[in-house]
Amino acid sequence: MKTIVITGVTSGIGKTLMMALLERGDKVVGIGRSRSRLFALDEDFKAKGYRSYRLIKADFQSLKEIKDAGESIRKNFTQGIDVLINNAAQMTKVNATTNDGFETQFQVNHLAPVVLTHALLPLLKMTNGIVITTASNAHRKAKYDPDDLQATKSYSPLRSYCRTKLYNVLFTRGLNEHVLKDTDVRAYAVHPGLVRTDIANKESSTFYKFSFRFFMKLKGIETDEAIKSYLHLIDHGMDQDIFYVSESKEGKLSKAAMDDTHRDHLWKETLTLLDITFSD
């Protein structure tokens, strides 16, 4: 039995993955932003007879709520955790700024996983655990612009989303290179496939919602298919040199994602923005 933390558990991949892990007997901590959805999920889990879980409310548009969630997990799981799955993400229709002063997608999709990973890394080191971050082949469409990290120039929801998925890959590379190289903890980024979720239906424009639904109906896969790569990593890991995973094997990366200059620039700028370090 493993102890696993998952973000974004009230729908989509996160919900399906949490249920699959509970079914097989793992202990799961699920994090979501909607109190009502978490309540409904709790009722559903109780009806199914699940017991080994904990649900935590945290809106990733608030860095404080992320830090509070991390602190709660540290207090309650002093023996460590085996897996952290950074899965929550948003696609917002307008160029909005969080109360922390960051563009919303930049904070929710990139900064939040960094903050939670930073908070829980000591617990992962206790078990030689793994960090899995949901990325996407959408990163291949993104360019790295060091002068516009938050992608606010001529804002586009899809462009911003693709950029944050590139950051997920670069952060995974930076974590392995700058922090985990001399440890037995490993970080992975996963492309789950074109999944039939509602990520583009929550806060996107009518056009994006219609386009997304139409495209997913034609090309999308169900979440029970999408979680297979996560389960493979949890159970088997990957060869040492592989960190980007698609369909339970090595995925194809863009040139921007493999650029060490981009990796190191994003790493430095992110830690500066968050005022954190990954030292012991």
Protein backbone atom coordinates (compact mmCIF):
# COMPACT_ATOMS: atom_id res chain seq x y z
CA MET A 1 0.00 0.00 0.00
CA LYS A 2 1.33 3.41 -1.03
CA THR A 3 0.49 6.88 0.27
CA ILE A 4 -0.31 9.17 -2.66
CA VAL A 5 -1.20 12.87 -2.90
CA ILE A 6 -3.19 14.02 -5.95
CA THR A 7 -4.35 17.51 -6.89
CA GLY A 8 -7.44 18.26 -8.95
CA VAL A 9 -9.45 15.27 -7.72
CA THR A 10 -13.04 16.51 -8.12
CA SER A 11 -13.21 15.74 -11.84
CA GLY A 12 -11.37 14.29 -14.81
CA ILE A 13 -8.08 12.46 -14.50
CA GLY A 14 -7.64 13.29 -10.82
CA LYS A 15 -10.98 11.81 -9.80
CA THR A 16 -10.59 8.67 -11.91
CA LEU A 17 -7.05 8.15 -10.69
CA MET A 18 -7.99 8.61 -7.02
CA MET A 19 -10.79 6.08 -7.34
CA ALA A 20 -8.54 3.55 -9.07
CA LEU A 21 -5.92 3.87 -6.34
CA LEU A 22 -8.47 3.54 -3.56
CA GLU A 23 -9.95 0.48 -5.26
CA ARG A 24 -6.62 -1.30 -5.08
CA GLY A 25 -5.99 -0.34 -1.46
CA ASP A 26 -3.68 2.66 -1.58
CA LYS A 27 -4.01 5.56 0.86
CA VAL A 28 -4.83 8.76 -1.04
CA VAL A 29 -4.90 12.45 -0.14
CA GLY A 30 -7.01 14.36 -2.66
CA ILE A 31 -6.84 18.13 -3.09
CA GLY A 32 -9.53 20.17 -4.85
CA ARG A 33 -10.66 23.79 -4.99
CA SER A 34 -14.45 23.36 -4.75
CA ARG A 35 -15.85 22.70 -1.30
CA SER A 36 -19.18 21.49 -2.70
CA ARG A 37 -17.51 19.10 -5.14
CA LEU A 38 -15.29 17.75 -2.39
CA PHE A 39 -18.36 17.16 -0.23
CA ALA A 40 -20.06 15.28 -3.08
CA LEU A 41 -16.90 13.25 -3.66
CA ASP A 42 -16.71 12.38 0.03
CA GLU A 43 -20.32 11.16 -0.04
CA ASP A 44 -19.62 9.08 -3.13
CA PHE A 45 -16.49 7.53 -1.60
CA LYS A 46 -18.31 6.67 1.62
CA ALA A 47 -21.08 5.00 -0.39
CA LYS A 48 -18.46 2.91 -2.19
CA GLY A 49 -16.94 1.86 1.12
CA TYR A 50 -13.63 3.67 0.71
CA ARG A 51 -11.91 4.55 3.98
CA SER A 52 -8.22 5.22 3.34
CA TYR A 53 -8.48 8.76 2.06
CA ARG A 54 -8.39 12.38 3.10
CA LEU A 55 -9.80 15.35 1.17
CA ILE A 56 -8.31 18.83 1.44
CA LYS A 57 -9.78 22.04 0.09
CA ALA A 58 -7.22 24.32 -1.58
CA ASP A 59 -7.70 26.81 -4.39
CA PHE A 60 -4.49 27.04 -6.39
CA GLN A 61 -5.24 30.67 -7.17
CA SER A 62 -4.08 31.25 -3.58
CA LEU A 63 -0.47 30.45 -2.71
CA LYS A 64 -1.43 30.53 0.98
CA GLU A 65 -4.00 27.78 0.50
CA ILE A 66 -1.42 25.64 -1.29
CA LYS A 67 1.08 26.15 1.52
CA ASP A 68 -1.59 25.40 4.12
CA ALA A 69 -2.45 22.15 2.31
CA GLY A 70 1.21 21.17 2.30
CA GLU A 71 1.53 21.95 6.00
CA SER A 72 -1.55 19.83 6.78
CA ILE A 73 -0.09 16.88 4.90
CA ARG A 74 3.28 17.22 6.63
CA LYS A 75 1.59 17.18 10.05
CA ASN A 76 -0.55 14.15 9.28
CA PHE A 77 1.90 11.99 7.33
CA THR A 78 5.07 12.18 9.36
CA GLN A 79 6.28 8.81 8.03
CA GLY A 80 6.41 10.16 4.49
CA ILE A 81 4.47 9.89 1.25
CA ASP A 82 5.30 7.73 -1.76
CA VAL A 83 3.90 9.77 -4.65
CA LEU A 84 2.91 13.37 -5.37
CA ILE A 85 0.79 13.87 -8.48
CA ASN A 86 0.55 17.52 -9.56
CA ASN A 87 -2.53 17.23 -11.76
CA ALA A 88 -4.70 20.33 -11.24
CA ALA A 89 -4.80 22.87 -14.07
CA GLN A 90 -6.95 25.64 -15.52
CA MET A 91 -7.52 27.30 -18.87
CA THR A 92 -8.94 30.80 -18.36
CA LYS A 93 -10.60 32.87 -21.07
CA VAL A 94 -9.23 36.26 -20.00
CA ASN A 95 -5.92 37.66 -18.85
CA ALA A 96 -6.69 37.63 -15.12
CA THR A 97 -4.39 38.16 -12.16
CA THR A 98 -4.59 36.27 -8.87
CA ASN A 99 -4.45 38.01 -5.50
CA ASP A 100 -0.81 36.92 -5.37
CA GLY A 101 -0.11 39.08 -8.43
CA PHE A 102 0.44 36.39 -11.07
CA GLU A 103 -1.42 35.56 -14.28
CA THR A 104 -3.92 32.86 -13.34
CA GLN A 105 -2.75 30.03 -15.59
CA PHE A 106 0.87 30.77 -14.75
CA GLN A 107 0.10 30.43 -11.05
CA VAL A 108 -2.33 27.49 -11.11
CA ASN A 109 -0.57 25.40 -13.74
CA HIS A 110 3.06 26.20 -12.96
CA LEU A 111 3.72 27.96 -9.67
CA ALA A 112 1.28 25.87 -7.62
CA PRO A 113 2.96 22.52 -8.46
CA VAL A 114 6.31 24.06 -7.57
CA VAL A 115 5.02 25.27 -4.20
CA LEU A 116 3.40 21.94 -3.33
CA THR A 117 6.43 19.94 -4.46
CA HIS A 118 8.65 22.16 -2.34
CA ALA A 119 6.40 21.61 0.68
CA LEU A 120 6.20 17.82 0.31
CA LEU A 121 9.70 16.95 -0.91
CA PRO A 122 10.94 16.10 2.64
CA LEU A 123 8.15 13.50 2.89
CA LEU A 124 9.05 12.07 -0.52
CA LYS A 125 12.70 11.77 0.46
CA MET A 126 11.69 9.57 3.40
CA THR A 127 10.33 6.93 1.01
CA ASN A 128 12.48 7.49 -2.09
CA GLY A 129 9.22 8.52 -3.72
CA ILE A 130 8.29 10.07 -7.05
CA VAL A 131 6.80 13.34 -8.30
CA ILE A 132 4.47 13.17 -11.30
CA THR A 133 3.29 16.36 -12.99
CA THR A 134 0.58 16.35 -15.64
CA ALA A 135 2.08 18.00 -18.69
CA SER A 136 0.89 17.68 -22.28
CA ASN A 137 2.10 17.36 -25.85
CA ALA A 138 0.59 20.85 -26.11
CA HIS A 139 4.00 21.98 -24.84
CA ARG A 140 5.32 21.36 -28.37
CA LYS A 141 3.31 24.35 -29.62
CA ALA A 142 4.87 26.71 -27.10
CA LYS A 143 7.83 29.02 -27.49
CA TYR A 144 9.93 30.02 -24.50
CA ASP A 145 9.99 33.80 -24.06
CA PRO A 146 12.17 34.85 -21.11
CA ASP A 147 10.75 38.37 -21.35
CA ASP A 148 7.13 37.21 -21.12
CA LEU A 149 7.10 34.25 -18.75
CA GLN A 150 3.47 34.83 -17.78
CA ALA A 151 2.39 35.00 -21.43
CA THR A 152 0.42 38.21 -20.93
CA LYS A 153 1.45 39.93 -24.15
CA SER A 154 -1.44 39.57 -26.60
CA TYR A 155 -3.08 37.08 -24.24
CA SER A 156 -4.53 33.89 -25.67
CA PRO A 157 -6.02 31.15 -23.43
CA LEU A 158 -4.59 28.33 -25.50
CA ARG A 159 -1.18 29.95 -25.95
CA SER A 160 -0.92 30.52 -22.22
CA TYR A 161 -1.98 26.94 -21.49
CA CYS A 162 0.59 25.52 -23.92
CA ARG A 163 3.26 27.70 -22.33
CA THR A 164 2.46 26.41 -18.84
CA LYS A 165 2.64 22.83 -20.10
CA LEU A 166 6.13 23.63 -21.40
CA TYR A 167 6.94 24.94 -17.93
CA ASN A 168 5.74 21.66 -16.39
CA VAL A 169 8.30 19.80 -18.48
CA LEU A 170 11.08 22.30 -17.80
CA PHE A 171 10.32 22.26 -14.07
CA THR A 172 10.51 18.46 -14.05
CA ARG A 173 13.87 18.63 -15.77
CA GLY A 174 15.09 21.31 -13.36
CA LEU A 175 13.92 19.35 -10.33
CA ASN A 176 15.78 16.23 -11.48
CA GLU A 177 18.90 18.19 -12.38
CA HIS A 178 19.18 20.69 -9.53
CA VAL A 179 17.62 18.86 -6.58
CA LEU A 180 17.10 15.13 -7.08
CA LYS A 181 20.29 14.12 -8.89
CA ASP A 182 21.97 12.79 -5.73
CA THR A 183 18.80 11.34 -4.19
CA ASP A 184 16.61 8.33 -4.92
CA VAL A 185 13.57 10.54 -5.56
CA ARG A 186 12.58 10.90 -9.22
CA ALA A 187 10.40 13.41 -11.09
CA TYR A 188 8.33 12.71 -14.20
CA ALA A 189 6.08 14.71 -16.51
CA VAL A 190 3.18 12.85 -18.11
CA HIS A 191 1.23 13.46 -21.28
CA PRO A 192 -2.02 11.63 -20.50
CA GLY A 193 -3.34 11.92 -24.05
CA LEU A 194 -6.21 13.96 -25.45
CA VAL A 195 -8.57 13.37 -22.57
CA ARG A 196 -12.31 14.01 -22.43
CA THR A 197 -12.24 16.31 -19.40
CA ASP A 198 -13.88 19.68 -18.74
CA ILE A 199 -10.69 21.71 -18.27
CA ALA A 200 -11.60 24.02 -21.15
CA ASN A 201 -15.26 24.16 -20.18
CA LYS A 202 -14.99 25.79 -16.76
CA GLU A 203 -13.71 29.31 -17.38
CA SER A 204 -13.17 29.44 -21.14
CA SER A 205 -15.02 31.44 -23.76
CA THR A 206 -18.06 30.02 -25.55
CA PHE A 207 -15.94 29.49 -28.67
CA TYR A 208 -13.29 27.50 -26.80
CA LYS A 209 -15.91 25.43 -25.02
CA PHE A 210 -17.65 24.50 -28.27
CA SER A 211 -14.39 23.80 -30.09
CA PHE A 212 -13.01 21.75 -27.21
CA ARG A 213 -16.15 19.62 -26.87
CA PHE A 214 -16.32 18.97 -30.61
CA PHE A 215 -12.64 18.05 -30.86
CA MET A 216 -12.73 15.82 -27.78
CA LYS A 217 -15.79 14.01 -29.07
CA LEU A 218 -13.85 13.10 -32.19
CA LYS A 219 -10.35 12.53 -30.82
CA GLY A 220 -10.51 12.31 -27.03
CA ILE A 221 -9.96 9.29 -24.81
CA GLU A 222 -11.71 8.46 -21.56
CA THR A 223 -10.02 9.11 -18.23
CA ASP A 224 -9.70 5.41 -17.37
CA GLU A 225 -7.44 5.09 -20.42
CA ALA A 226 -5.55 8.29 -19.59
CA ILE A 227 -4.51 7.17 -16.10
CA LYS A 228 -2.57 4.14 -17.32
CA SER A 229 0.73 6.03 -17.59
CA TYR A 230 0.36 7.28 -14.01
CA LEU A 231 -0.30 3.78 -12.69
CA HIS A 232 2.67 2.43 -14.64
CA LEU A 233 4.98 5.04 -13.11
CA ILE A 234 3.66 4.42 -9.61
CA ASP A 235 4.16 0.67 -9.92
CA HIS A 236 7.23 0.37 -12.13
CA GLY A 237 8.91 3.74 -12.68
CA MET A 238 10.92 4.21 -15.89
CA ASP A 239 14.50 3.81 -17.07
CA GLN A 240 16.83 6.33 -15.44
CA ASP A 241 17.10 8.66 -18.44
CA ILE A 242 13.36 8.88 -19.14
CA PHE A 243 11.35 11.65 -17.49
CA TYR A 244 8.66 12.52 -20.07
CA VAL A 245 6.09 9.76 -20.37
CA SER A 246 3.27 9.15 -22.83
CA GLU A 247 1.35 5.86 -23.13
CA SER A 248 3.66 4.34 -20.48
CA LYS A 249 6.77 4.95 -22.58
CA GLU A 250 9.11 7.80 -23.42
CA GLY A 251 7.32 10.73 -25.01
CA LYS A 252 8.62 13.13 -27.66
CA LEU A 253 9.80 16.53 -26.46
CA SER A 254 10.11 19.84 -28.28
CA LYS A 255 13.43 21.61 -28.73
CA ALA A 256 12.29 24.29 -26.30
CA ALA A 257 11.62 21.64 -23.64
CA MET A 258 15.10 20.14 -24.05
CA ASP A 259 16.92 23.48 -23.96
CA ASP A 260 19.09 23.67 -20.83
CA THR A 261 19.15 27.46 -20.97
CA HIS A 262 15.34 27.56 -20.80
CA ARG A 263 15.35 24.98 -18.00
CA ASP A 264 17.79 26.92 -15.86
CA HIS A 265 16.26 30.33 -16.55
CA LEU A 266 12.77 29.15 -15.59
CA TRP A 267 14.14 27.41 -12.51
CA LYS A 268 15.93 30.54 -11.27
CA GLU A 269 13.07 32.93 -12.08
CA THR A 270 10.44 30.67 -10.51
CA LEU A 271 12.30 30.29 -7.23
CA THR A 272 12.91 34.03 -7.15
CA LEU A 273 9.23 34.83 -7.73
CA LEU A 274 8.21 32.41 -4.98
CA ASP A 275 11.10 33.33 -2.66
CA ILE A 276 11.95 29.67 -1.97
CA THR A 277 14.93 27.35 -2.24
CA PHE A 278 15.07 23.57 -2.40
CA SER A 279 17.93 23.21 0.07
CA ASP A 280 17.61 20.68 2.89
